[in-house]
Protein backbone atom coordinates (compact mmCIF):
# COMPACT_ATOMS: atom_id res chain seq x y z
CA UNK A 1 -0.63 -7.67 13.62
CA UNK A 2 -1.89 -4.32 12.73
CA UNK A 3 -5.00 -2.89 11.56
CA UNK A 4 -6.33 -0.45 9.28
CA UNK A 5 -9.44 0.71 9.29
CA UNK A 6 -10.91 3.19 6.67
CA UNK A 7 -14.53 5.04 5.91
CA UNK A 8 -16.47 6.00 2.99
CA UNK A 9 -19.81 7.00 1.98
CA UNK A 10 -22.01 4.35 0.50
CA UNK A 11 -21.77 6.06 -2.94
CA UNK A 12 -17.86 6.36 -3.06
CA UNK A 13 -17.28 2.99 -1.50
CA UNK A 14 -16.06 -0.19 -3.81
CA UNK A 15 -13.86 -0.16 -7.00
CA UNK A 16 -10.63 0.01 -7.42
CA UNK A 17 -9.25 2.16 -4.29
CA UNK A 18 -11.27 0.55 -2.24
CA UNK A 19 -10.44 -3.51 -3.11
CA UNK A 20 -6.51 -2.62 -3.64
CA UNK A 21 -5.02 -4.26 -0.90
CA UNK A 22 -6.98 -7.71 -1.82
CA UNK A 23 -6.08 -7.23 -5.22
CA UNK A 24 -2.25 -6.93 -4.24
CA UNK A 25 -2.21 -10.09 -2.26
CA UNK A 26 -3.47 -11.97 -5.45
CA UNK A 27 -1.34 -10.53 -7.98
CA UNK A 28 2.09 -9.48 -6.22
CA UNK A 29 4.38 -12.41 -6.30
CA UNK A 30 4.65 -14.31 -2.89
CA UNK A 31 8.17 -13.22 -2.50
CA UNK A 32 8.03 -9.97 -2.53
CA UNK A 33 8.52 -8.46 0.62
CA UNK A 34 5.84 -6.20 2.24
CA UNK A 35 2.62 -6.65 5.10
CA UNK A 36 0.57 -9.99 4.30
CA UNK A 37 -3.46 -8.94 4.22
CA UNK A 38 -5.02 -11.72 6.20
CA UNK A 39 -8.24 -10.86 6.87
CA UNK A 40 -10.64 -7.82 5.65
CA UNK A 41 -14.48 -7.06 7.05
CA UNK A 42 -16.66 -4.62 5.64
CA UNK A 43 -19.85 -3.35 7.30
CA UNK A 44 -22.38 -0.28 6.59
CA UNK A 45 -24.10 2.01 9.26
CA UNK A 46 -26.28 4.45 7.72
CA UNK A 47 -24.75 6.48 4.29
CA UNK A 48 -21.73 5.00 5.78
CA UNK A 49 -19.44 1.96 5.08
CA UNK A 50 -16.14 0.94 6.62
CA UNK A 51 -13.65 -1.86 6.34
CA UNK A 52 -11.11 -3.81 8.66
CA UNK A 53 -7.92 -5.08 7.32
CA UNK A 54 -5.71 -6.70 9.55
CA UNK A 55 -1.88 -7.34 8.18
CA UNK A 56 0.96 -8.60 9.69
CA UNK A 57 3.23 -5.86 12.47
CA UNK A 58 5.52 -4.58 10.47
CA UNK A 59 8.22 -2.59 13.31
CA UNK A 60 10.83 -0.86 10.91
CA UNK A 61 8.70 3.18 10.10
CA UNK A 62 8.82 4.19 6.85
CA UNK A 63 11.63 5.69 4.43
CA UNK A 64 10.63 8.07 4.75
CA UNK A 65 6.86 8.79 6.39
CA UNK A 66 6.21 11.34 3.03
CA UNK A 67 6.30 10.80 -0.59
CA UNK A 68 9.74 13.30 -0.68
CA UNK A 69 13.04 12.31 0.63
CA UNK A 70 14.54 15.08 2.75
CA UNK A 71 17.51 12.78 3.43
CA UNK A 72 19.54 10.05 2.18
CA UNK A 73 18.25 6.96 3.92
CA UNK A 74 20.97 4.65 5.57
CA UNK A 75 19.94 1.42 3.92
CA UNK A 76 22.25 -1.53 3.87
CA UNK A 77 23.64 -3.17 -0.09
CA UNK A 78 21.37 -6.14 1.00
CA UNK A 79 18.38 -3.53 1.37
CA UNK A 80 19.37 -2.21 -1.93
CA UNK A 81 19.54 -5.52 -3.48
CA UNK A 82 16.23 -6.44 -2.24
CA UNK A 83 14.52 -3.56 -3.47
CA UNK A 84 16.04 -4.52 -6.90
CA UNK A 85 14.53 -8.07 -7.20
CA UNK A 86 11.17 -6.90 -5.41
CA UNK A 87 10.82 -4.26 -8.11
CA UNK A 88 11.76 -6.38 -10.42
CA UNK A 89 9.01 -8.94 -9.51
CA UNK A 90 6.54 -5.93 -9.35
CA UNK A 91 7.01 -4.80 -12.87
CA UNK A 92 5.65 -8.21 -14.19
CA UNK A 93 2.55 -7.79 -12.62
CA UNK A 94 -0.48 -6.39 -14.47
CA UNK A 95 -3.01 -4.76 -13.10
CA UNK A 96 -5.19 -1.57 -14.34
CA UNK A 97 -4.51 0.50 -11.19
CA UNK A 98 -2.64 3.75 -10.81
CA UNK A 99 -0.04 3.65 -8.68
CA UNK A 100 0.89 7.33 -7.55
CA UNK A 101 -1.34 9.89 -8.57
CA UNK A 102 0.40 13.14 -9.95
CA UNK A 103 -0.20 15.52 -6.82
CA UNK A 104 0.97 13.09 -5.06
CA UNK A 105 4.65 12.94 -7.30
CA UNK A 106 4.25 17.11 -7.72
CA UNK A 107 6.76 18.42 -4.75
CA UNK A 108 6.17 22.39 -4.34
CA UNK A 109 8.99 24.85 -4.00
CA UNK A 110 10.34 27.28 -1.13
């Protein structure tokens, strides 16, 4: 298992950014491969709110660890086929969430 803990001020906690993992677990089809969310706990201390999420552990690293590919990933044809299937399944999921913020998608030049 893997534990993710996030922190926010009381004023900023909540809404789509705060509850996204639970929404994804509810809306994304079970056959789409991803770490499953098993448990969520929230607590407040003063003006701070904390949220702990327990997921399946994934031993493989990210491809890549940043939003920008700097080299071609070495992945099998089966992996790419599975990705196409997963994307097709995700396309059918209706949500109000923003998947990528513009700032994350922009790449600055040298």
